[in-house]
């Protein structure tokens, strides 16, 4: 599939580049997004609101404050701002409409309880 699996964690590890140490139980949001799925985080990096620690897609690791995450997700999961995608994987043909987002999970109550200044990790896996 052409797109991203995005997970948001309510903590960072001692080495933000080491995604293996992320506590999966502390994931407050997770979703799949089409090609432009990480643009919302790239925008934060451009505005100096987040840091990008790994940018090879396996995974991309961003760190930002809980306040920035709350602002980004206040209206729900961000759309990917991407064109429609027609794909063929071995044994699977698929179509993703423009701005597709799927398999969404967002625990807004848990997110709102996190102190605004806490650093959070956004992990984005390139699914292509």
N, C-alpha and C. Protein backbone atom coordinates (compact mmCIF):
# COMPACT_ATOMS: atom_id res chain seq x y z
N UNK A 1 0.84 -1.18 0.00
CA UNK A 1 0.00 0.00 0.00
C UNK A 1 0.89 1.24 0.00
N UNK A 2 0.50 2.22 -0.76
CA UNK A 2 1.22 3.49 -0.75
C UNK A 2 0.61 4.36 0.35
N UNK A 3 1.37 4.62 1.39
CA UNK A 3 0.86 5.43 2.48
C UNK A 3 1.67 5.25 3.74
N UNK A 4 1.04 5.59 4.85
CA UNK A 4 1.72 5.64 6.15
C UNK A 4 0.88 4.99 7.24
N UNK A 5 1.57 4.40 8.23
CA UNK A 5 0.95 4.00 9.49
C UNK A 5 1.52 4.96 10.53
N UNK A 6 0.64 5.74 11.13
CA UNK A 6 1.06 6.80 12.05
C UNK A 6 0.60 6.45 13.45
N UNK A 7 1.51 6.53 14.43
CA UNK A 7 1.20 6.27 15.83
C UNK A 7 1.71 7.44 16.66
N UNK A 8 0.91 7.84 17.66
CA UNK A 8 1.27 8.95 18.55
C UNK A 8 1.38 8.41 19.97
N UNK A 9 2.54 8.63 20.59
CA UNK A 9 2.81 8.12 21.92
C UNK A 9 2.95 9.27 22.92
N UNK A 10 2.52 9.03 24.15
CA UNK A 10 2.54 10.09 25.16
C UNK A 10 3.87 10.19 25.89
N UNK A 11 4.95 9.77 25.24
CA UNK A 11 6.27 9.85 25.85
C UNK A 11 7.34 9.82 24.77
N UNK A 12 8.58 10.07 25.20
CA UNK A 12 9.73 9.88 24.31
C UNK A 12 10.67 8.91 25.01
N UNK A 13 11.58 8.33 24.26
CA UNK A 13 12.58 7.42 24.84
C UNK A 13 13.86 8.20 25.10
N UNK A 14 14.79 7.58 25.80
CA UNK A 14 16.06 8.27 26.08
C UNK A 14 16.80 8.60 24.79
N UNK A 15 16.59 7.81 23.76
CA UNK A 15 17.13 8.09 22.43
C UNK A 15 15.94 8.11 21.47
N UNK A 16 15.45 9.31 21.11
CA UNK A 16 14.24 9.39 20.28
C UNK A 16 14.33 8.64 18.96
N UNK A 17 15.55 8.35 18.49
CA UNK A 17 15.69 7.61 17.23
C UNK A 17 15.41 6.12 17.40
N UNK A 18 15.39 5.64 18.65
CA UNK A 18 15.20 4.22 18.91
C UNK A 18 13.72 3.92 19.14
N UNK A 19 13.01 3.70 18.06
CA UNK A 19 11.57 3.46 18.13
C UNK A 19 11.23 2.14 18.82
N UNK A 20 12.18 1.23 18.94
CA UNK A 20 11.91 -0.07 19.56
C UNK A 20 11.60 0.06 21.04
N UNK A 21 11.99 1.16 21.66
CA UNK A 21 11.76 1.36 23.08
C UNK A 21 10.42 2.04 23.38
N UNK A 22 9.67 2.39 22.38
CA UNK A 22 8.37 3.01 22.62
C UNK A 22 7.43 2.02 23.26
N UNK A 23 6.72 2.45 24.29
CA UNK A 23 5.77 1.61 25.01
C UNK A 23 4.45 1.61 24.24
N UNK A 24 4.15 0.51 23.58
CA UNK A 24 2.95 0.43 22.72
C UNK A 24 1.66 0.66 23.51
N UNK A 25 1.69 0.41 24.83
CA UNK A 25 0.51 0.64 25.67
C UNK A 25 0.23 2.14 25.85
N UNK A 26 1.21 2.96 25.54
CA UNK A 26 1.05 4.41 25.73
C UNK A 26 0.74 5.13 24.42
N UNK A 27 0.25 4.39 23.45
CA UNK A 27 -0.17 4.96 22.16
C UNK A 27 -1.55 5.59 22.34
N UNK A 28 -1.67 6.89 22.06
CA UNK A 28 -2.95 7.58 22.24
C UNK A 28 -3.70 7.76 20.92
N UNK A 29 -3.03 7.53 19.80
CA UNK A 29 -3.68 7.64 18.49
C UNK A 29 -2.91 6.81 17.48
N UNK A 30 -3.66 6.23 16.54
CA UNK A 30 -3.02 5.47 15.47
C UNK A 30 -3.96 5.44 14.27
N UNK A 31 -3.38 5.59 13.07
CA UNK A 31 -4.18 5.52 11.86
C UNK A 31 -3.30 5.27 10.65
N UNK A 32 -3.95 4.88 9.56
CA UNK A 32 -3.27 4.77 8.27
C UNK A 32 -3.68 5.97 7.44
N UNK A 33 -2.76 6.45 6.64
CA UNK A 33 -3.03 7.60 5.78
C UNK A 33 -2.39 7.39 4.42
N UNK A 34 -2.94 8.04 3.44
CA UNK A 34 -2.42 7.95 2.08
C UNK A 34 -1.09 8.71 1.97
N UNK A 35 -0.65 8.94 0.77
CA UNK A 35 0.69 9.48 0.49
C UNK A 35 1.07 10.73 1.28
N UNK A 36 0.18 11.68 1.44
CA UNK A 36 0.52 12.92 2.14
C UNK A 36 0.30 12.85 3.63
N UNK A 37 0.29 11.66 4.19
CA UNK A 37 -0.10 11.45 5.58
C UNK A 37 0.77 12.08 6.64
N UNK A 38 2.01 12.43 6.33
CA UNK A 38 2.88 13.05 7.34
C UNK A 38 3.06 14.55 7.12
N UNK A 39 2.35 15.11 6.20
CA UNK A 39 2.52 16.54 5.94
C UNK A 39 2.21 17.40 7.16
N UNK A 40 1.25 16.97 7.98
CA UNK A 40 0.90 17.75 9.18
C UNK A 40 2.10 17.84 10.12
N UNK A 41 2.89 16.76 10.22
CA UNK A 41 4.09 16.79 11.07
C UNK A 41 5.22 17.53 10.38
N UNK A 42 5.36 17.37 9.07
CA UNK A 42 6.38 18.12 8.34
C UNK A 42 6.16 19.62 8.49
N UNK A 43 4.89 20.04 8.51
CA UNK A 43 4.57 21.46 8.73
C UNK A 43 5.04 21.92 10.10
N UNK A 44 4.88 21.07 11.12
CA UNK A 44 5.36 21.42 12.46
C UNK A 44 6.88 21.58 12.46
N UNK A 45 7.57 20.71 11.75
CA UNK A 45 9.04 20.80 11.67
C UNK A 45 9.43 22.11 10.99
N UNK A 46 8.76 22.45 9.91
CA UNK A 46 9.06 23.71 9.19
C UNK A 46 8.82 24.93 10.06
N UNK A 47 7.83 24.86 10.97
CA UNK A 47 7.52 25.99 11.87
C UNK A 47 8.31 25.91 13.18
N UNK A 48 9.26 24.98 13.26
CA UNK A 48 10.08 24.76 14.46
C UNK A 48 9.25 24.37 15.68
N UNK A 49 8.14 23.66 15.45
CA UNK A 49 7.30 23.17 16.54
C UNK A 49 7.57 21.71 16.84
N UNK A 50 8.37 21.05 16.01
CA UNK A 50 8.69 19.63 16.19
C UNK A 50 10.08 19.37 15.63
N UNK A 51 10.66 18.28 16.08
CA UNK A 51 11.96 17.82 15.57
C UNK A 51 11.75 16.51 14.84
N UNK A 52 12.46 16.33 13.74
CA UNK A 52 12.44 15.09 12.99
C UNK A 52 13.77 14.39 13.25
N UNK A 53 13.70 13.21 13.91
CA UNK A 53 14.92 12.50 14.28
C UNK A 53 15.34 11.46 13.26
N UNK A 54 14.39 10.94 12.52
CA UNK A 54 14.70 9.93 11.52
C UNK A 54 13.80 10.19 10.33
N UNK A 55 14.37 10.25 9.14
CA UNK A 55 13.56 10.62 7.97
C UNK A 55 13.71 9.64 6.82
N UNK A 56 13.87 8.38 7.14
CA UNK A 56 14.00 7.38 6.09
C UNK A 56 12.71 6.58 5.89
N UNK A 57 11.70 6.82 6.73
CA UNK A 57 10.42 6.16 6.57
C UNK A 57 10.30 4.80 7.22
N UNK A 58 11.34 4.37 7.91
CA UNK A 58 11.31 3.02 8.50
C UNK A 58 11.73 3.03 9.95
N UNK A 59 11.14 3.73 10.86
CA UNK A 59 10.10 4.75 10.62
C UNK A 59 10.68 6.15 10.63
N UNK A 60 9.80 7.12 10.33
CA UNK A 60 10.13 8.52 10.59
C UNK A 60 9.74 8.78 12.03
N UNK A 61 10.59 9.47 12.78
CA UNK A 61 10.35 9.74 14.19
C UNK A 61 10.34 11.25 14.41
N UNK A 62 9.23 11.75 14.92
CA UNK A 62 9.07 13.16 15.24
C UNK A 62 8.87 13.30 16.75
N UNK A 63 9.33 14.40 17.32
CA UNK A 63 9.07 14.72 18.72
C UNK A 63 8.52 16.14 18.78
N UNK A 64 7.44 16.29 19.54
CA UNK A 64 6.81 17.60 19.72
C UNK A 64 6.09 17.61 21.05
N UNK A 65 5.56 18.75 21.43
CA UNK A 65 4.86 18.86 22.71
C UNK A 65 3.43 18.32 22.60
N UNK A 66 2.89 17.96 23.74
CA UNK A 66 1.50 17.51 23.79
C UNK A 66 0.56 18.62 23.31
N UNK A 67 0.89 19.87 23.61
CA UNK A 67 0.05 20.98 23.15
C UNK A 67 -0.03 21.00 21.63
N UNK A 68 1.09 20.81 20.96
CA UNK A 68 1.08 20.79 19.49
C UNK A 68 0.25 19.62 18.96
N UNK A 69 0.35 18.47 19.60
CA UNK A 69 -0.44 17.31 19.17
C UNK A 69 -1.92 17.58 19.40
N UNK A 70 -2.26 18.13 20.56
CA UNK A 70 -3.67 18.44 20.85
C UNK A 70 -4.24 19.40 19.81
N UNK A 71 -3.46 20.42 19.47
CA UNK A 71 -3.92 21.38 18.45
C UNK A 71 -4.10 20.71 17.09
N UNK A 72 -3.19 19.83 16.73
CA UNK A 72 -3.26 19.17 15.42
C UNK A 72 -4.44 18.20 15.34
N UNK A 73 -4.80 17.58 16.47
CA UNK A 73 -5.83 16.55 16.46
C UNK A 73 -7.17 17.03 17.03
N UNK A 74 -7.30 18.31 17.32
CA UNK A 74 -8.52 18.81 17.97
C UNK A 74 -9.78 18.59 17.14
N UNK A 75 -9.65 18.49 15.82
CA UNK A 75 -10.81 18.22 14.97
C UNK A 75 -10.78 16.79 14.43
N UNK A 76 -9.95 15.95 15.02
CA UNK A 76 -9.84 14.56 14.59
C UNK A 76 -8.53 14.30 13.85
N UNK A 77 -8.47 13.15 13.24
CA UNK A 77 -7.27 12.72 12.52
C UNK A 77 -7.06 13.62 11.30
N UNK A 78 -5.85 14.16 11.12
CA UNK A 78 -5.60 15.03 9.96
C UNK A 78 -5.68 14.27 8.63
N UNK A 79 -6.27 14.90 7.66
CA UNK A 79 -6.34 14.32 6.32
C UNK A 79 -4.97 14.41 5.66
N UNK A 80 -4.69 13.51 4.75
CA UNK A 80 -3.38 13.44 4.13
C UNK A 80 -3.12 14.44 3.02
N UNK A 81 -4.14 15.12 2.51
CA UNK A 81 -3.97 16.05 1.39
C UNK A 81 -3.22 15.37 0.25
N UNK A 82 -3.78 14.26 -0.20
CA UNK A 82 -3.12 13.49 -1.25
C UNK A 82 -4.09 13.17 -2.38
N UNK A 83 -3.55 12.86 -3.54
CA UNK A 83 -4.40 12.49 -4.67
C UNK A 83 -4.94 11.08 -4.48
N UNK A 84 -5.92 10.69 -5.29
CA UNK A 84 -6.36 9.29 -5.26
C UNK A 84 -5.19 8.38 -5.64
N UNK A 85 -5.20 7.18 -5.08
CA UNK A 85 -4.12 6.23 -5.34
C UNK A 85 -4.73 4.92 -5.84
N UNK A 86 -4.23 4.44 -6.96
CA UNK A 86 -4.58 3.12 -7.47
C UNK A 86 -3.31 2.29 -7.38
N UNK A 87 -3.39 1.18 -6.67
CA UNK A 87 -2.19 0.40 -6.46
C UNK A 87 -2.39 -1.07 -6.72
N UNK A 88 -1.29 -1.73 -7.00
CA UNK A 88 -1.29 -3.17 -7.19
C UNK A 88 -0.13 -3.73 -6.37
N UNK A 89 -0.49 -4.46 -5.32
CA UNK A 89 0.49 -5.19 -4.54
C UNK A 89 0.36 -6.66 -4.94
N UNK A 90 1.34 -7.48 -4.67
CA UNK A 90 1.22 -8.91 -5.02
C UNK A 90 -0.08 -9.49 -4.46
N UNK A 91 -0.95 -9.91 -5.35
CA UNK A 91 -2.21 -10.51 -4.95
C UNK A 91 -3.27 -9.55 -4.46
N UNK A 92 -3.04 -8.25 -4.61
CA UNK A 92 -3.98 -7.27 -4.08
C UNK A 92 -3.98 -6.01 -4.94
N UNK A 93 -5.14 -5.63 -5.41
CA UNK A 93 -5.33 -4.36 -6.10
C UNK A 93 -6.16 -3.48 -5.18
N UNK A 94 -5.86 -2.19 -5.15
CA UNK A 94 -6.61 -1.32 -4.25
C UNK A 94 -6.76 0.08 -4.81
N UNK A 95 -7.73 0.78 -4.27
CA UNK A 95 -7.98 2.18 -4.60
C UNK A 95 -8.16 2.94 -3.30
N UNK A 96 -7.44 4.04 -3.14
CA UNK A 96 -7.60 4.92 -1.99
C UNK A 96 -8.07 6.26 -2.51
N UNK A 97 -9.23 6.75 -2.04
CA UNK A 97 -9.69 8.05 -2.51
C UNK A 97 -8.76 9.17 -2.03
N UNK A 98 -8.91 10.34 -2.62
CA UNK A 98 -8.11 11.50 -2.21
C UNK A 98 -8.25 11.71 -0.71
N UNK A 99 -7.14 12.04 -0.06
CA UNK A 99 -7.11 12.36 1.37
C UNK A 99 -7.55 11.20 2.26
N UNK A 100 -7.34 9.97 1.79
CA UNK A 100 -7.80 8.79 2.52
C UNK A 100 -7.12 8.65 3.89
N UNK A 101 -7.93 8.28 4.89
CA UNK A 101 -7.46 7.94 6.23
C UNK A 101 -8.25 6.71 6.65
N UNK A 102 -7.59 5.70 7.22
CA UNK A 102 -8.29 4.49 7.63
C UNK A 102 -7.76 3.92 8.92
N UNK A 103 -8.45 2.91 9.43
CA UNK A 103 -8.07 2.23 10.67
C UNK A 103 -7.75 3.23 11.78
N UNK A 104 -8.68 4.16 11.99
CA UNK A 104 -8.45 5.27 12.92
C UNK A 104 -8.73 4.87 14.37
N UNK A 105 -7.85 5.31 15.25
CA UNK A 105 -8.06 5.19 16.68
C UNK A 105 -7.48 6.43 17.33
N UNK A 106 -8.33 7.18 18.04
CA UNK A 106 -7.89 8.41 18.72
C UNK A 106 -8.57 8.45 20.07
N UNK A 107 -7.76 8.40 21.13
CA UNK A 107 -8.28 8.48 22.50
C UNK A 107 -8.14 9.93 22.97
N UNK A 108 -9.13 10.74 22.60
CA UNK A 108 -9.08 12.17 22.89
C UNK A 108 -9.10 12.44 24.39
N UNK A 109 -9.81 11.65 25.15
CA UNK A 109 -9.86 11.85 26.60
C UNK A 109 -8.47 11.66 27.22
N UNK A 110 -7.79 10.62 26.80
CA UNK A 110 -6.43 10.38 27.29
C UNK A 110 -5.47 11.47 26.83
N UNK A 111 -5.61 11.89 25.57
CA UNK A 111 -4.76 12.94 25.03
C UNK A 111 -4.95 14.24 25.81
N UNK A 112 -6.18 14.61 26.08
CA UNK A 112 -6.45 15.87 26.80
C UNK A 112 -5.90 15.86 28.22
N UNK A 113 -5.75 14.67 28.82
CA UNK A 113 -5.23 14.57 30.19
C UNK A 113 -3.71 14.73 30.27
N UNK A 114 -3.03 14.71 29.14
CA UNK A 114 -1.56 14.82 29.12
C UNK A 114 -1.17 16.28 29.30
N UNK A 115 -0.23 16.57 30.21
CA UNK A 115 0.22 17.96 30.38
C UNK A 115 0.74 18.54 29.06
N UNK A 116 0.38 19.79 28.77
CA UNK A 116 0.73 20.42 27.50
C UNK A 116 2.22 20.42 27.20
N UNK A 117 3.06 20.52 28.22
CA UNK A 117 4.51 20.62 28.00
C UNK A 117 5.18 19.27 27.81
N UNK A 118 4.48 18.17 28.04
CA UNK A 118 5.11 16.85 27.89
C UNK A 118 5.51 16.62 26.44
N UNK A 119 6.70 16.06 26.26
CA UNK A 119 7.14 15.71 24.91
C UNK A 119 6.52 14.38 24.49
N UNK A 120 6.10 14.32 23.24
CA UNK A 120 5.45 13.14 22.69
C UNK A 120 6.18 12.71 21.43
N UNK A 121 6.02 11.45 21.07
CA UNK A 121 6.64 10.88 19.89
C UNK A 121 5.58 10.55 18.86
N UNK A 122 5.84 10.92 17.60
CA UNK A 122 5.01 10.50 16.48
C UNK A 122 5.88 9.60 15.62
N UNK A 123 5.41 8.38 15.43
CA UNK A 123 6.13 7.38 14.65
C UNK A 123 5.34 7.16 13.37
N UNK A 124 6.00 7.31 12.23
CA UNK A 124 5.32 7.16 10.93
C UNK A 124 6.08 6.15 10.08
N UNK A 125 5.42 5.02 9.81
CA UNK A 125 6.02 3.97 8.99
C UNK A 125 5.56 4.11 7.55
N UNK A 126 6.49 4.14 6.65
CA UNK A 126 6.19 4.14 5.21
C UNK A 126 5.72 2.74 4.84
N UNK A 127 4.48 2.63 4.34
CA UNK A 127 3.90 1.32 4.03
C UNK A 127 4.12 0.88 2.58
N UNK A 128 4.86 1.68 1.81
CA UNK A 128 5.05 1.28 0.41
C UNK A 128 6.09 0.20 0.24
